[in-house]
Amino acid sequence: MERFRPGLLRLPTFLNNMIFPSVLTIAGSDSGGCAGIQADIKTISATGSYAAGAITAVTAQNTLGVREVFPVPPQVIGSQIRAVLDDIRIDAIKIGMLFSAGAVSEVARALSGYDLPPVVLDPVMVSTSGHSLMEDGAAGALAGELLPLCTLITPNIPEAEALSGVEIRSESDFGEAASVISKLSSPGLSVLLKGGHLHSDILSDLFYNARTGGFTWFRKPRTDTPNTHGTGCTLSSAVASFIARGQSLDDAVGSAEDYIARAVETSILYRIGNGHGPVNHFYKNNSGI
């Protein structure tokens, strides 16, 4: 009987010439695997793109909460970014947790040296369990140095209040807050304001396209599940991945909203950990996560 002989896999010529859509995620590491760069990589992979990463901080956390945060030195963050951009064609960038003003400034310096693709910023300030993930002064650096490089920002309600100064108590406040945040950057920053912190059976997100001036609501029933850890990371990474795959900003936001809705809905099928578990990133696979 002839035995299998390992060798080089020869792909059809048309596959050899394909350009694979690629996303660079700049984010913190979550040891529990629910959020941060772990959630980003799962999301980007599940939505059909290649994920490269630059780690900004190492967190000791699980589904119950964050125990410790160990920031990566800013120069190391910048070195990771430059190493990726010097070699790999990147079609979209997602930015997550930036713990310090120094980290924010270094990311801005590193990115400003390149002809950038669309940049999606998830302004991670506080973890799901309530642990602060951004030092004092970092938010100011974020607005002053990083926002001008970004295409879209995806704040939740507490983050939107911190950035805009607008108190958000109902959906009627979303438009004002989004407009204020958009004007923090010239010529205008698109905003996806996430409404999960409102106590309602319906989850409402508002997308403001700064280029067209259009507002779009995304509404879905709230799913009764503890598996909501990393939803913000997942949504912003999905937007970046769909942009990398050639979708317009409006279509990418719509596709990402559909993706996170299904990822949360199907998360009721399992339980990981004793607290807030991850969404079901690979819900399209029969094997679950």
C-alpha atoms as a PDB file:
ATOM      1  CA  MET A   1       0.000   0.000   0.000  1.00  0.00           C
ATOM      2  CA  GLU A   2       1.395   3.403  -0.975  1.00  0.00           C
ATOM      3  CA  ARG A   3       1.981   5.735   1.980  1.00  0.00           C
ATOM      4  CA  PHE A   4       1.200   9.437   1.964  1.00  0.00           C
ATOM      5  CA  ARG A   5       4.202  11.535   1.006  1.00  0.00           C
ATOM      6  CA  PRO A   6       4.187  15.078   2.405  1.00  0.00           C
ATOM      7  CA  GLY A   7       5.115  17.802  -0.018  1.00  0.00           C
ATOM      8  CA  LEU A   8       4.240  21.278  -1.170  1.00  0.00           C
ATOM      9  CA  LEU A   9       0.561  21.937  -1.736  1.00  0.00           C
ATOM     10  CA  ARG A  10       0.137  23.203  -5.282  1.00  0.00           C
ATOM     11  CA  LEU A  11      -2.723  25.665  -5.558  1.00  0.00           C
ATOM     12  CA  PRO A  12      -4.492  26.570  -8.804  1.00  0.00           C
ATOM     13  CA  THR A  13      -2.863  29.551 -10.491  1.00  0.00           C
ATOM     14  CA  PHE A  14      -5.824  31.861  -9.825  1.00  0.00           C
ATOM     15  CA  LEU A  15      -5.536  31.202  -6.063  1.00  0.00           C
ATOM     16  CA  ASN A  16      -1.822  31.972  -6.065  1.00  0.00           C
ATOM     17  CA  ASN A  17      -2.622  35.459  -7.364  1.00  0.00           C
ATOM     18  CA  MET A  18      -5.420  36.265  -4.911  1.00  0.00           C
ATOM     19  CA  ILE A  19      -5.023  39.232  -2.560  1.00  0.00           C
ATOM     20  CA  PHE A  20      -6.366  38.209   0.828  1.00  0.00           C
ATOM     21  CA  PRO A  21      -8.116  41.044   2.713  1.00  0.00           C
ATOM     22  CA  SER A  22      -6.116  41.880   5.833  1.00  0.00           C
ATOM     23  CA  VAL A  23      -6.873  43.783   9.035  1.00  0.00           C
ATOM     24  CA  LEU A  24      -4.418  45.085  11.631  1.00  0.00           C
ATOM     25  CA  THR A  25      -5.858  45.136  15.133  1.00  0.00           C
ATOM     26  CA  ILE A  26      -4.124  47.282  17.754  1.00  0.00           C
ATOM     27  CA  ALA A  27      -5.531  46.228  21.112  1.00  0.00           C
ATOM     28  CA  GLY A  28      -4.976  44.742  24.543  1.00  0.00           C
ATOM     29  CA  SER A  29      -4.798  41.044  25.319  1.00  0.00           C
ATOM     30  CA  ASP A  30      -7.572  39.320  27.299  1.00  0.00           C
ATOM     31  CA  SER A  31      -6.309  36.164  29.012  1.00  0.00           C
ATOM     32  CA  GLY A  32      -9.880  34.868  29.222  1.00  0.00           C
ATOM     33  CA  GLY A  33     -10.241  35.065  25.437  1.00  0.00           C
ATOM     34  CA  CYS A  34     -13.586  36.912  25.478  1.00  0.00           C
ATOM     35  CA  ALA A  35     -12.567  40.430  24.494  1.00  0.00           C
ATOM     36  CA  GLY A  36      -9.540  42.399  23.338  1.00  0.00           C
ATOM     37  CA  ILE A  37      -7.219  41.178  20.644  1.00  0.00           C
ATOM     38  CA  GLN A  38      -8.414  37.583  21.096  1.00  0.00           C
ATOM     39  CA  ALA A  39     -11.981  38.594  20.203  1.00  0.00           C
ATOM     40  CA  ASP A  40     -10.661  40.751  17.355  1.00  0.00           C
ATOM     41  CA  ILE A  41      -8.707  37.901  15.766  1.00  0.00           C
ATOM     42  CA  LYS A  42     -11.655  35.498  16.080  1.00  0.00           C
ATOM     43  CA  THR A  43     -14.010  38.045  14.531  1.00  0.00           C
ATOM     44  CA  ILE A  44     -11.712  39.017  11.675  1.00  0.00           C
ATOM     45  CA  SER A  45     -11.087  35.353  10.874  1.00  0.00           C
ATOM     46  CA  ALA A  46     -14.773  34.412  11.110  1.00  0.00           C
ATOM     47  CA  THR A  47     -15.749  37.216   8.717  1.00  0.00           C
ATOM     48  CA  GLY A  48     -13.235  36.188   6.077  1.00  0.00           C
ATOM     49  CA  SER A  49     -10.182  38.398   6.562  1.00  0.00           C
ATOM     50  CA  TYR A  50      -6.594  37.863   7.724  1.00  0.00           C
ATOM     51  CA  ALA A  51      -5.744  39.253  11.177  1.00  0.00           C
ATOM     52  CA  ALA A  52      -2.432  40.842  12.124  1.00  0.00           C
ATOM     53  CA  GLY A  53      -2.003  42.302  15.605  1.00  0.00           C
ATOM     54  CA  ALA A  54      -0.138  44.762  17.797  1.00  0.00           C
ATOM     55  CA  ILE A  55      -0.641  44.211  21.540  1.00  0.00           C
ATOM     56  CA  THR A  56      -0.964  47.378  23.635  1.00  0.00           C
ATOM     57  CA  ALA A  57      -1.406  45.830  27.094  1.00  0.00           C
ATOM     58  CA  VAL A  58      -1.595  42.448  28.789  1.00  0.00           C
ATOM     59  CA  THR A  59      -4.553  41.993  31.117  1.00  0.00           C
ATOM     60  CA  ALA A  60      -5.063  39.272  33.690  1.00  0.00           C
ATOM     61  CA  GLN A  61      -8.802  38.681  33.415  1.00  0.00           C
ATOM     62  CA  ASN A  62     -11.511  36.084  33.048  1.00  0.00           C
ATOM     63  CA  THR A  63     -15.293  36.104  32.658  1.00  0.00           C
ATOM     64  CA  LEU A  64     -15.652  37.492  36.202  1.00  0.00           C
ATOM     65  CA  GLY A  65     -13.502  40.579  35.778  1.00  0.00           C
ATOM     66  CA  VAL A  66     -10.114  42.208  35.267  1.00  0.00           C
ATOM     67  CA  ARG A  67      -7.501  41.503  37.942  1.00  0.00           C
ATOM     68  CA  GLU A  68      -4.475  43.395  36.645  1.00  0.00           C
ATOM     69  CA  VAL A  69      -3.345  45.446  33.659  1.00  0.00           C
ATOM     70  CA  PHE A  70       0.250  45.407  32.416  1.00  0.00           C
ATOM     71  CA  PRO A  71       0.839  48.113  29.779  1.00  0.00           C
ATOM     72  CA  VAL A  72       3.207  47.361  26.909  1.00  0.00           C
ATOM     73  CA  PRO A  73       5.875  50.089  26.575  1.00  0.00           C
ATOM     74  CA  PRO A  74       4.806  52.602  23.904  1.00  0.00           C
ATOM     75  CA  GLN A  75       7.920  52.085  21.787  1.00  0.00           C
ATOM     76  CA  VAL A  76       7.173  48.357  21.629  1.00  0.00           C
ATOM     77  CA  ILE A  77       3.623  49.100  20.488  1.00  0.00           C
ATOM     78  CA  GLY A  78       4.966  51.349  17.742  1.00  0.00           C
ATOM     79  CA  SER A  79       7.535  48.774  16.695  1.00  0.00           C
ATOM     80  CA  GLN A  80       4.824  46.120  16.277  1.00  0.00           C
ATOM     81  CA  ILE A  81       2.721  48.448  14.134  1.00  0.00           C
ATOM     82  CA  ARG A  82       5.621  49.436  11.881  1.00  0.00           C
ATOM     83  CA  ALA A  83       6.744  45.819  11.498  1.00  0.00           C
ATOM     84  CA  VAL A  84       3.318  44.850  10.183  1.00  0.00           C
ATOM     85  CA  LEU A  85       2.784  47.872   7.932  1.00  0.00           C
ATOM     86  CA  ASP A  86       6.287  47.597   6.454  1.00  0.00           C
ATOM     87  CA  ASP A  87       5.524  44.102   5.185  1.00  0.00           C
ATOM     88  CA  ILE A  88       1.826  43.227   4.947  1.00  0.00           C
ATOM     89  CA  ARG A  89      -0.785  44.943   2.815  1.00  0.00           C
ATOM     90  CA  ILE A  90      -3.389  46.116   5.345  1.00  0.00           C
ATOM     91  CA  ASP A  91      -6.882  46.965   4.069  1.00  0.00           C
ATOM     92  CA  ALA A  92      -8.351  48.229   7.354  1.00  0.00           C
ATOM     93  CA  ILE A  93      -7.169  48.966  10.886  1.00  0.00           C
ATOM     94  CA  LYS A  94      -9.052  48.449  14.150  1.00  0.00           C
ATOM     95  CA  ILE A  95      -7.835  50.172  17.320  1.00  0.00           C
ATOM     96  CA  GLY A  96      -9.011  49.086  20.763  1.00  0.00           C
ATOM     97  CA  MET A  97      -7.560  49.479  24.244  1.00  0.00           C
ATOM     98  CA  LEU A  98      -4.905  52.201  24.633  1.00  0.00           C
ATOM     99  CA  PHE A  99      -4.130  52.409  28.343  1.00  0.00           C
ATOM    100  CA  SER A 100      -2.022  55.582  28.541  1.00  0.00           C
ATOM    101  CA  ALA A 101      -1.510  58.923  26.832  1.00  0.00           C
ATOM    102  CA  GLY A 102       1.942  57.687  25.855  1.00  0.00           C
ATOM    103  CA  ALA A 103       0.441  54.675  24.097  1.00  0.00           C
ATOM    104  CA  VAL A 104      -2.062  56.875  22.264  1.00  0.00           C
ATOM    105  CA  SER A 105       0.680  59.252  21.099  1.00  0.00           C
ATOM    106  CA  GLU A 106       2.918  56.423  19.920  1.00  0.00           C
ATOM    107  CA  VAL A 107       0.121  54.752  17.944  1.00  0.00           C
ATOM    108  CA  ALA A 108      -0.655  58.094  16.293  1.00  0.00           C
ATOM    109  CA  ARG A 109       3.038  58.623  15.442  1.00  0.00           C
ATOM    110  CA  ALA A 110       3.429  55.117  14.068  1.00  0.00           C
ATOM    111  CA  LEU A 111       0.323  55.312  11.872  1.00  0.00           C
ATOM    112  CA  SER A 112       0.999  58.828  10.581  1.00  0.00           C
ATOM    113  CA  GLY A 113       4.046  57.573   8.713  1.00  0.00           C
ATOM    114  CA  TYR A 114       1.910  55.526   6.306  1.00  0.00           C
ATOM    115  CA  ASP A 115      -0.774  55.940   3.663  1.00  0.00           C
ATOM    116  CA  LEU A 116      -3.536  54.578   5.842  1.00  0.00           C
ATOM    117  CA  PRO A 117      -6.576  52.470   4.946  1.00  0.00           C
ATOM    118  CA  PRO A 118      -9.840  53.137   6.848  1.00  0.00           C
ATOM    119  CA  VAL A 119      -9.308  53.132  10.630  1.00  0.00           C
ATOM    120  CA  VAL A 120     -12.014  51.988  13.081  1.00  0.00           C
ATOM    121  CA  LEU A 121     -11.536  53.126  16.688  1.00  0.00           C
ATOM    122  CA  ASP A 122     -13.253  51.418  19.615  1.00  0.00           C
ATOM    123  CA  PRO A 123     -12.498  53.825  22.513  1.00  0.00           C
ATOM    124  CA  VAL A 124     -12.167  51.199  25.261  1.00  0.00           C
ATOM    125  CA  MET A 125     -12.361  53.029  28.585  1.00  0.00           C
ATOM    126  CA  VAL A 126     -14.008  50.632  31.053  1.00  0.00           C
ATOM    127  CA  SER A 127     -14.317  46.827  31.015  1.00  0.00           C
ATOM    128  CA  THR A 128     -17.648  44.966  31.179  1.00  0.00           C
ATOM    129  CA  SER A 129     -16.954  44.330  34.883  1.00  0.00           C
ATOM    130  CA  GLY A 130     -16.317  48.033  35.561  1.00  0.00           C
ATOM    131  CA  HIS A 131     -12.493  48.046  35.657  1.00  0.00           C
ATOM    132  CA  SER A 132     -10.841  51.187  34.240  1.00  0.00           C
ATOM    133  CA  LEU A 133      -8.858  50.402  31.084  1.00  0.00           C
ATOM    134  CA  MET A 134      -7.626  53.932  30.352  1.00  0.00           C
ATOM    135  CA  GLU A 135      -5.478  56.205  32.514  1.00  0.00           C
ATOM    136  CA  ASP A 136      -6.328  59.836  33.183  1.00  0.00           C
ATOM    137  CA  GLY A 137      -5.104  61.983  30.305  1.00  0.00           C
ATOM    138  CA  ALA A 138      -5.381  59.257  27.686  1.00  0.00           C
ATOM    139  CA  ALA A 139      -8.840  60.394  26.556  1.00  0.00           C
ATOM    140  CA  GLY A 140      -7.517  63.878  25.825  1.00  0.00           C
ATOM    141  CA  ALA A 141      -4.651  62.475  23.783  1.00  0.00           C
ATOM    142  CA  LEU A 142      -7.132  60.240  21.977  1.00  0.00           C
ATOM    143  CA  ALA A 143      -9.239  63.203  20.874  1.00  0.00           C
ATOM    144  CA  GLY A 144      -6.308  65.440  20.007  1.00  0.00           C
ATOM    145  CA  GLU A 145      -3.907  63.040  18.300  1.00  0.00           C
ATOM    146  CA  LEU A 146      -5.642  59.869  17.159  1.00  0.00           C
ATOM    147  CA  LEU A 147      -9.135  60.874  16.042  1.00  0.00           C
ATOM    148  CA  PRO A 148      -7.835  62.840  13.012  1.00  0.00           C
ATOM    149  CA  LEU A 149      -6.494  59.540  11.637  1.00  0.00           C
ATOM    150  CA  CYS A 150      -9.746  57.638  12.112  1.00  0.00           C
ATOM    151  CA  THR A 151     -12.687  56.950   9.823  1.00  0.00           C
ATOM    152  CA  LEU A 152     -15.178  55.597  12.373  1.00  0.00           C
ATOM    153  CA  ILE A 153     -15.467  55.575  16.164  1.00  0.00           C
ATOM    154  CA  THR A 154     -17.707  53.073  18.000  1.00  0.00           C
ATOM    155  CA  PRO A 155     -18.387  54.325  21.554  1.00  0.00           C
ATOM    156  CA  ASN A 156     -20.880  52.844  23.978  1.00  0.00           C
ATOM    157  CA  ILE A 157     -23.041  55.241  26.009  1.00  0.00           C
ATOM    158  CA  PRO A 158     -20.570  55.936  28.883  1.00  0.00           C
ATOM    159  CA  GLU A 159     -17.768  56.464  26.360  1.00  0.00           C
ATOM    160  CA  ALA A 160     -19.946  58.719  24.204  1.00  0.00           C
ATOM    161  CA  GLU A 161     -20.867  60.786  27.275  1.00  0.00           C
ATOM    162  CA  ALA A 162     -17.196  61.149  28.209  1.00  0.00           C
ATOM    163  CA  LEU A 163     -16.208  62.203  24.687  1.00  0.00           C
ATOM    164  CA  SER A 164     -19.150  64.510  23.953  1.00  0.00           C
ATOM    165  CA  GLY A 165     -20.149  65.900  27.349  1.00  0.00           C
ATOM    166  CA  VAL A 166     -23.756  65.080  26.405  1.00  0.00           C
ATOM    167  CA  GLU A 167     -25.838  63.224  28.994  1.00  0.00           C
ATOM    168  CA  ILE A 168     -27.515  60.255  27.272  1.00  0.00           C
ATOM    169  CA  ARG A 169     -30.684  59.076  28.963  1.00  0.00           C
ATOM    170  CA  SER A 170     -32.740  57.964  25.951  1.00  0.00           C
ATOM    171  CA  GLU A 171     -32.537  57.433  22.207  1.00  0.00           C
ATOM    172  CA  SER A 172     -33.448  61.097  21.706  1.00  0.00           C
ATOM    173  CA  ASP A 173     -29.977  62.055  22.983  1.00  0.00           C
ATOM    174  CA  PHE A 174     -28.071  59.826  20.553  1.00  0.00           C
ATOM    175  CA  GLY A 175     -28.093  62.207  17.600  1.00  0.00           C
ATOM    176  CA  GLU A 176     -26.718  65.157  19.557  1.00  0.00           C
ATOM    177  CA  ALA A 177     -23.939  63.080  21.118  1.00  0.00           C
ATOM    178  CA  ALA A 178     -22.965  61.567  17.758  1.00  0.00           C
ATOM    179  CA  SER A 179     -22.866  65.007  16.123  1.00  0.00           C
ATOM    180  CA  VAL A 180     -20.637  66.435  18.874  1.00  0.00           C
ATOM    181  CA  ILE A 181     -18.236  63.484  18.663  1.00  0.00           C
ATOM    182  CA  SER A 182     -18.099  63.742  14.876  1.00  0.00           C
ATOM    183  CA  LYS A 183     -16.928  67.341  15.142  1.00  0.00           C
ATOM    184  CA  LEU A 184     -13.982  66.369  17.365  1.00  0.00           C
ATOM    185  CA  SER A 185     -12.120  65.595  14.147  1.00  0.00           C
ATOM    186  CA  SER A 186     -11.903  67.515  10.886  1.00  0.00           C
ATOM    187  CA  PRO A 187     -13.394  67.073   8.287  1.00  0.00           C
ATOM    188  CA  GLY A 188     -15.698  64.897  10.398  1.00  0.00           C
ATOM    189  CA  LEU A 189     -15.671  61.500  12.054  1.00  0.00           C
ATOM    190  CA  SER A 190     -18.343  58.881  11.437  1.00  0.00           C
ATOM    191  CA  VAL A 191     -19.882  57.519  14.644  1.00  0.00           C
ATOM    192  CA  LEU A 192     -21.543  54.226  15.583  1.00  0.00           C
ATOM    193  CA  LEU A 193     -23.088  54.886  19.003  1.00  0.00           C
ATOM    194  CA  LYS A 194     -23.980  51.656  20.799  1.00  0.00           C
ATOM    195  CA  GLY A 195     -27.053  51.672  23.028  1.00  0.00           C
ATOM    196  CA  GLY A 196     -26.592  48.503  25.037  1.00  0.00           C
ATOM    197  CA  HIS A 197     -26.392  50.408  28.339  1.00  0.00           C
ATOM    198  CA  LEU A 198     -29.993  51.624  28.039  1.00  0.00           C
ATOM    199  CA  HIS A 199     -32.384  49.486  30.086  1.00  0.00           C
ATOM    200  CA  SER A 200     -34.649  48.382  27.273  1.00  0.00           C
ATOM    201  CA  ASP A 201     -35.850  45.148  25.709  1.00  0.00           C
ATOM    202  CA  ILE A 202     -34.744  46.557  22.346  1.00  0.00           C
ATOM    203  CA  LEU A 203     -31.084  47.275  21.666  1.00  0.00           C
ATOM    204  CA  SER A 204     -30.648  50.406  19.554  1.00  0.00           C
ATOM    205  CA  ASP A 205     -27.436  51.552  17.855  1.00  0.00           C
ATOM    206  CA  LEU A 206     -27.207  54.779  15.852  1.00  0.00           C
ATOM    207  CA  PHE A 207     -24.824  55.153  12.907  1.00  0.00           C
ATOM    208  CA  TYR A 208     -23.927  58.630  11.720  1.00  0.00           C
ATOM    209  CA  ASN A 209     -22.065  58.829   8.406  1.00  0.00           C
ATOM    210  CA  ALA A 210     -20.087  62.078   8.552  1.00  0.00           C
ATOM    211  CA  ARG A 211     -19.448  62.020   4.815  1.00  0.00           C
ATOM    212  CA  THR A 212     -23.124  61.868   3.801  1.00  0.00           C
ATOM    213  CA  GLY A 213     -24.709  63.357   6.917  1.00  0.00           C
ATOM    214  CA  GLY A 214     -27.059  60.377   7.137  1.00  0.00           C
ATOM    215  CA  PHE A 215     -28.339  58.714  10.325  1.00  0.00           C
ATOM    216  CA  THR A 216     -29.240  55.004  10.401  1.00  0.00           C
ATOM    217  CA  TRP A 217     -30.794  53.126  13.326  1.00  0.00           C
ATOM    218  CA  PHE A 218     -30.085  49.455  13.984  1.00  0.00           C
ATOM    219  CA  ARG A 219     -32.540  47.807  16.358  1.00  0.00           C
ATOM    220  CA  LYS A 220     -32.762  44.226  17.606  1.00  0.00           C
ATOM    221  CA  PRO A 221     -34.371  42.397  20.556  1.00  0.00           C
ATOM    222  CA  ARG A 222     -32.158  42.009  23.608  1.00  0.00           C
ATOM    223  CA  THR A 223     -31.061  38.380  24.052  1.00  0.00           C
ATOM    224  CA  ASP A 224     -31.261  36.887  27.547  1.00  0.00           C
ATOM    225  CA  THR A 225     -27.673  35.618  27.785  1.00  0.00           C
ATOM    226  CA  PRO A 226     -24.668  36.260  30.048  1.00  0.00           C
ATOM    227  CA  ASN A 227     -22.396  35.965  27.012  1.00  0.00           C
ATOM    228  CA  THR A 228     -21.888  39.633  26.209  1.00  0.00           C
ATOM    229  CA  HIS A 229     -18.204  40.040  27.126  1.00  0.00           C
ATOM    230  CA  GLY A 230     -16.363  41.528  24.152  1.00  0.00           C
ATOM    231  CA  THR A 231     -19.373  42.657  22.121  1.00  0.00           C
ATOM    232  CA  GLY A 232     -17.803  46.070  21.469  1.00  0.00           C
ATOM    233  CA  CYS A 233     -14.490  44.576  20.356  1.00  0.00           C
ATOM    234  CA  THR A 234     -16.350  42.124  18.145  1.00  0.00           C
ATOM    235  CA  LEU A 235     -18.568  44.732  16.489  1.00  0.00           C
ATOM    236  CA  SER A 236     -15.734  47.150  15.674  1.00  0.00           C
ATOM    237  CA  SER A 237     -13.507  44.353  14.354  1.00  0.00           C
ATOM    238  CA  ALA A 238     -16.331  43.097  12.162  1.00  0.00           C
ATOM    239  CA  VAL A 239     -16.763  46.564  10.669  1.00  0.00           C
ATOM    240  CA  ALA A 240     -13.042  46.707   9.896  1.00  0.00           C
ATOM    241  CA  SER A 241     -13.102  43.230   8.362  1.00  0.00           C
ATOM    242  CA  PHE A 242     -16.047  43.982   6.092  1.00  0.00           C
ATOM    243  CA  ILE A 243     -14.364  47.222   4.996  1.00  0.00           C
ATOM    244  CA  ALA A 244     -11.227  45.219   4.209  1.00  0.00           C
ATOM    245  CA  ARG A 245     -13.366  42.937   2.074  1.00  0.00           C
ATOM    246  CA  GLY A 246     -14.418  45.888  -0.073  1.00  0.00           C
ATOM    247  CA  GLN A 247     -17.722  46.980   1.450  1.00  0.00           C
ATOM    248  CA  SER A 248     -18.658  50.647   1.781  1.00  0.00           C
ATOM    249  CA  LEU A 249     -18.741  52.085   5.299  1.00  0.00           C
ATOM    250  CA  ASP A 250     -22.564  51.956   5.389  1.00  0.00           C
ATOM    251  CA  ASP A 251     -22.652  48.339   4.178  1.00  0.00           C
ATOM    252  CA  ALA A 252     -19.806  47.298   6.507  1.00  0.00           C
ATOM    253  CA  VAL A 253     -21.637  48.705   9.533  1.00  0.00           C
ATOM    254  CA  GLY A 254     -24.836  46.922   8.466  1.00  0.00           C
ATOM    255  CA  SER A 255     -23.013  43.618   7.935  1.00  0.00           C
ATOM    256  CA  ALA A 256     -21.260  43.956  11.297  1.00  0.00           C
ATOM    257  CA  GLU A 257     -24.558  44.657  13.067  1.00  0.00           C
ATOM    258  CA  ASP A 258     -26.012  41.486  11.535  1.00  0.00           C
ATOM    259  CA  TYR A 259     -22.925  39.518  12.556  1.00  0.00           C
ATOM    260  CA  ILE A 260     -22.918  40.618  16.212  1.00  0.00           C
ATOM    261  CA  ALA A 261     -26.667  40.016  16.488  1.00  0.00           C
ATOM    262  CA  ARG A 262     -26.279  36.387  15.409  1.00  0.00           C
ATOM    263  CA  ALA A 263     -23.127  35.919  17.490  1.00  0.00           C
ATOM    264  CA  VAL A 264     -25.007  37.015  20.621  1.00  0.00           C
ATOM    265  CA  GLU A 265     -28.215  35.123  19.806  1.00  0.00           C
ATOM    266  CA  THR A 266     -26.424  31.810  19.304  1.00  0.00           C
ATOM    267  CA  SER A 267     -24.255  32.263  22.408  1.00  0.00           C
ATOM    268  CA  ILE A 268     -27.155  30.925  24.503  1.00  0.00           C
ATOM    269  CA  LEU A 269     -26.088  27.437  23.314  1.00  0.00           C
ATOM    270  CA  TYR A 270     -23.076  27.269  25.670  1.00  0.00           C
ATOM    271  CA  ARG A 271     -21.586  28.442  28.954  1.00  0.00           C
ATOM    272  CA  ILE A 272     -17.909  29.389  29.351  1.00  0.00           C
ATOM    273  CA  GLY A 273     -16.742  30.536  32.778  1.00  0.00           C
ATOM    274  CA  ASN A 274     -18.881  31.711  35.669  1.00  0.00           C
ATOM    275  CA  GLY A 275     -19.477  35.318  34.599  1.00  0.00           C
ATOM    276  CA  HIS A 276     -19.892  37.181  31.332  1.00  0.00           C
ATOM    277  CA  GLY A 277     -18.746  34.755  28.643  1.00  0.00           C
ATOM    278  CA  PRO A 278     -17.848  35.407  24.999  1.00  0.00           C
ATOM    279  CA  VAL A 279     -20.222  35.741  22.077  1.00  0.00           C
ATOM    280  CA  ASN A 280     -20.333  32.933  19.535  1.00  0.00           C
ATOM    281  CA  HIS A 281     -17.827  34.267  17.007  1.00  0.00           C
ATOM    282  CA  PHE A 282     -17.949  31.164  14.818  1.00  0.00           C
ATOM    283  CA  TYR A 283     -21.721  30.669  14.831  1.00  0.00           C
ATOM    284  CA  LYS A 284     -21.642  29.737  11.141  1.00  0.00           C
ATOM    285  CA  ASN A 285     -19.717  26.585  12.045  1.00  0.00           C
ATOM    286  CA  ASN A 286     -21.796  23.619  13.154  1.00  0.00           C
ATOM    287  CA  SER A 287     -19.264  23.033  15.949  1.00  0.00           C
ATOM    288  CA  GLY A 288     -20.213  26.279  17.717  1.00  0.00           C
ATOM    289  CA  ILE A 289     -17.390  28.493  18.935  1.00  0.00           C
END
